[in-house]
Amino acid sequence: MVHNPSNEARKQILEESKIIAVVGLSNKPDRTSYMVSAAMQNAGYRIIPVNPVIAGETVLGEKVLSSLSEIDEQVDIVNVFRKSEDIVPVAEDTLKMKHKPRVFWMQQGIANDEAAKLVGETGIEVVNDLCIKVDHALLRIGK
């Protein structure tokens, strides 16, 4: 079982982060991934959408990429909106990134110990089963 970083550690992560790659970001405004990403964008984060189904489209003003390994710049957080059983390939794609992220964040309702171990062993911090938007509000980031 993966233990999440402390509230203070997650607050520090969110305060120091600027770019979030969002795996599974939907182009439908009524989807949780879209709403959470829009809120994080409104809070000042840059969002990089990753979704092979809609690659090439524009979501929240950003071009959608088909995989994490396509990202050339440093990403602070990989935020994952996929079913728990589909997370291992996302973790593997994370490890193929040119610049490793600081954090691999599985959204609320999502947890996968195998994926967490895979990325965690490389020094990437793992957060699982927590909503990044809720954490951002509860931890009073920027206040």
Protein backbone atom coordinates (compact mmCIF):
# COMPACT_ATOMS: atom_id res chain seq x y z
CA MET A 1 0.00 0.00 0.00
CA VAL A 2 1.37 3.37 -1.05
CA HIS A 3 1.50 6.06 1.61
CA ASN A 4 0.93 9.55 0.32
CA PRO A 5 3.33 12.38 1.16
CA SER A 6 2.23 14.42 4.19
CA ASN A 7 -0.09 17.41 3.83
CA GLU A 8 2.93 19.69 4.25
CA ALA A 9 4.89 17.80 1.57
CA ARG A 10 1.93 17.93 -0.86
CA LYS A 11 1.49 21.63 -0.14
CA GLN A 12 5.16 22.18 -0.98
CA ILE A 13 4.79 20.14 -4.19
CA LEU A 14 1.83 22.23 -5.31
CA GLU A 15 3.50 25.53 -4.37
CA GLU A 16 6.69 24.69 -6.26
CA SER A 17 5.05 23.14 -9.33
CA LYS A 18 4.17 25.05 -12.47
CA ILE A 19 3.51 22.48 -15.23
CA ILE A 20 1.09 19.55 -14.98
CA ALA A 21 0.80 16.86 -17.66
CA VAL A 22 -2.73 15.49 -17.48
CA VAL A 23 -3.09 11.92 -18.74
CA GLY A 24 -6.63 11.12 -19.80
CA LEU A 25 -7.78 14.74 -20.09
CA SER A 26 -11.14 14.78 -21.82
CA ASN A 27 -12.31 17.39 -24.33
CA LYS A 28 -15.78 17.26 -22.74
CA PRO A 29 -16.35 20.13 -20.27
CA ASP A 30 -18.67 17.99 -18.10
CA ARG A 31 -15.93 15.41 -17.36
CA THR A 32 -14.02 15.53 -14.08
CA SER A 33 -10.64 15.56 -15.83
CA TYR A 34 -11.66 18.69 -17.76
CA MET A 35 -13.11 20.48 -14.72
CA VAL A 36 -10.12 19.70 -12.49
CA SER A 37 -7.64 20.70 -15.21
CA ALA A 38 -9.50 23.96 -15.91
CA ALA A 39 -9.46 24.79 -12.19
CA MET A 40 -5.72 24.09 -11.96
CA GLN A 41 -5.14 26.20 -15.08
CA ASN A 42 -7.17 29.03 -13.50
CA ALA A 43 -4.97 28.70 -10.39
CA GLY A 44 -1.94 29.49 -12.54
CA TYR A 45 -0.63 26.07 -13.60
CA ARG A 46 0.17 25.22 -17.20
CA ILE A 47 -1.64 22.09 -18.37
CA ILE A 48 -0.25 19.68 -20.98
CA PRO A 49 -3.08 17.39 -22.13
CA VAL A 50 -2.17 13.77 -22.92
CA ASN A 51 -4.82 11.58 -24.55
CA PRO A 52 -4.11 9.39 -27.61
CA VAL A 53 -7.80 9.34 -28.58
CA ILE A 54 -7.91 13.11 -29.18
CA ALA A 55 -4.22 13.79 -29.92
CA GLY A 56 -3.74 16.86 -32.10
CA GLU A 57 -6.91 18.55 -30.85
CA THR A 58 -6.80 21.60 -28.59
CA VAL A 59 -8.19 21.34 -25.05
CA LEU A 60 -8.08 24.27 -22.62
CA GLY A 61 -6.00 26.15 -25.19
CA GLU A 62 -3.27 23.48 -25.26
CA LYS A 63 -2.45 20.94 -27.99
CA VAL A 64 -3.20 17.37 -26.92
CA LEU A 65 -0.29 14.93 -27.13
CA SER A 66 -0.66 11.18 -27.57
CA SER A 67 1.89 10.18 -24.91
CA LEU A 68 4.00 11.54 -22.07
CA SER A 69 7.18 10.61 -23.94
CA GLU A 70 6.33 13.31 -26.53
CA ILE A 71 6.85 16.07 -23.95
CA ASP A 72 10.19 17.83 -24.43
CA GLU A 73 10.09 20.17 -21.45
CA GLN A 74 10.31 19.65 -17.70
CA VAL A 75 6.96 18.69 -16.17
CA ASP A 76 6.48 18.96 -12.42
CA ILE A 77 3.48 16.66 -12.00
CA VAL A 78 2.00 13.85 -14.08
CA ASN A 79 -1.67 13.87 -13.05
CA VAL A 80 -3.48 10.68 -14.08
CA PHE A 81 -7.18 10.26 -14.91
CA ARG A 82 -7.30 6.60 -15.92
CA LYS A 83 -8.80 3.49 -14.36
CA SER A 84 -6.60 1.95 -11.66
CA GLU A 85 -6.04 -1.16 -13.78
CA ASP A 86 -4.75 1.00 -16.67
CA ILE A 87 -2.10 2.87 -14.69
CA VAL A 88 0.98 0.65 -15.20
CA PRO A 89 1.39 1.63 -18.88
CA VAL A 90 1.11 5.29 -17.82
CA ALA A 91 3.85 4.73 -15.24
CA GLU A 92 6.00 3.08 -17.92
CA ASP A 93 5.40 6.04 -20.25
CA THR A 94 6.35 8.40 -17.41
CA LEU A 95 9.72 6.65 -17.15
CA LYS A 96 10.29 7.25 -20.89
CA MET A 97 9.95 11.03 -20.49
CA LYS A 98 13.01 13.05 -21.49
CA HIS A 99 12.76 14.96 -18.17
CA LYS A 100 11.37 12.94 -15.27
CA PRO A 101 8.56 14.64 -13.33
CA ARG A 102 8.82 15.31 -9.62
CA VAL A 103 5.46 13.70 -8.89
CA PHE A 104 3.21 10.95 -10.28
CA TRP A 105 -0.29 11.88 -9.03
CA MET A 106 -3.18 9.43 -9.35
CA GLN A 107 -6.51 11.19 -9.01
CA GLN A 108 -9.17 10.45 -6.40
CA GLY A 109 -10.47 6.90 -6.78
CA ILE A 110 -7.29 5.78 -8.57
CA ALA A 111 -4.54 3.71 -6.98
CA ASN A 112 -2.13 1.14 -8.33
CA ASP A 113 0.65 -0.22 -6.13
CA GLU A 114 2.58 -1.74 -9.04
CA ALA A 115 2.66 1.58 -10.91
CA ALA A 116 3.52 3.46 -7.72
CA LYS A 117 6.44 1.10 -7.07
CA LEU A 118 7.66 1.40 -10.67
CA VAL A 119 7.91 5.20 -10.62
CA GLY A 120 8.67 5.47 -6.90
CA GLU A 121 11.81 3.35 -7.26
CA THR A 122 13.23 6.01 -9.60
CA GLY A 123 12.80 8.78 -7.03
CA ILE A 124 9.54 10.19 -8.36
CA GLU A 125 7.13 11.01 -5.53
CA VAL A 126 3.80 9.21 -5.71
CA VAL A 127 0.38 10.48 -4.68
CA ASN A 128 -2.58 8.17 -5.06
CA ASP A 129 -6.32 8.40 -4.58
CA LEU A 130 -6.37 12.18 -4.00
CA CYS A 131 -7.86 14.96 -6.12
CA ILE A 132 -5.21 17.56 -6.99
CA LYS A 133 -7.87 20.32 -7.15
CA VAL A 134 -9.28 19.42 -3.72
CA ASP A 135 -5.76 19.25 -2.26
CA HIS A 136 -4.96 22.63 -3.81
CA ALA A 137 -8.00 24.14 -2.05
CA LEU A 138 -7.66 22.31 1.28
CA LEU A 139 -3.94 23.01 1.63
CA ARG A 140 -4.57 26.69 0.88
CA ILE A 141 -1.95 27.01 -1.83
CA GLY A 142 -0.92 30.61 -2.46
CA LYS A 143 -2.67 31.89 0.65
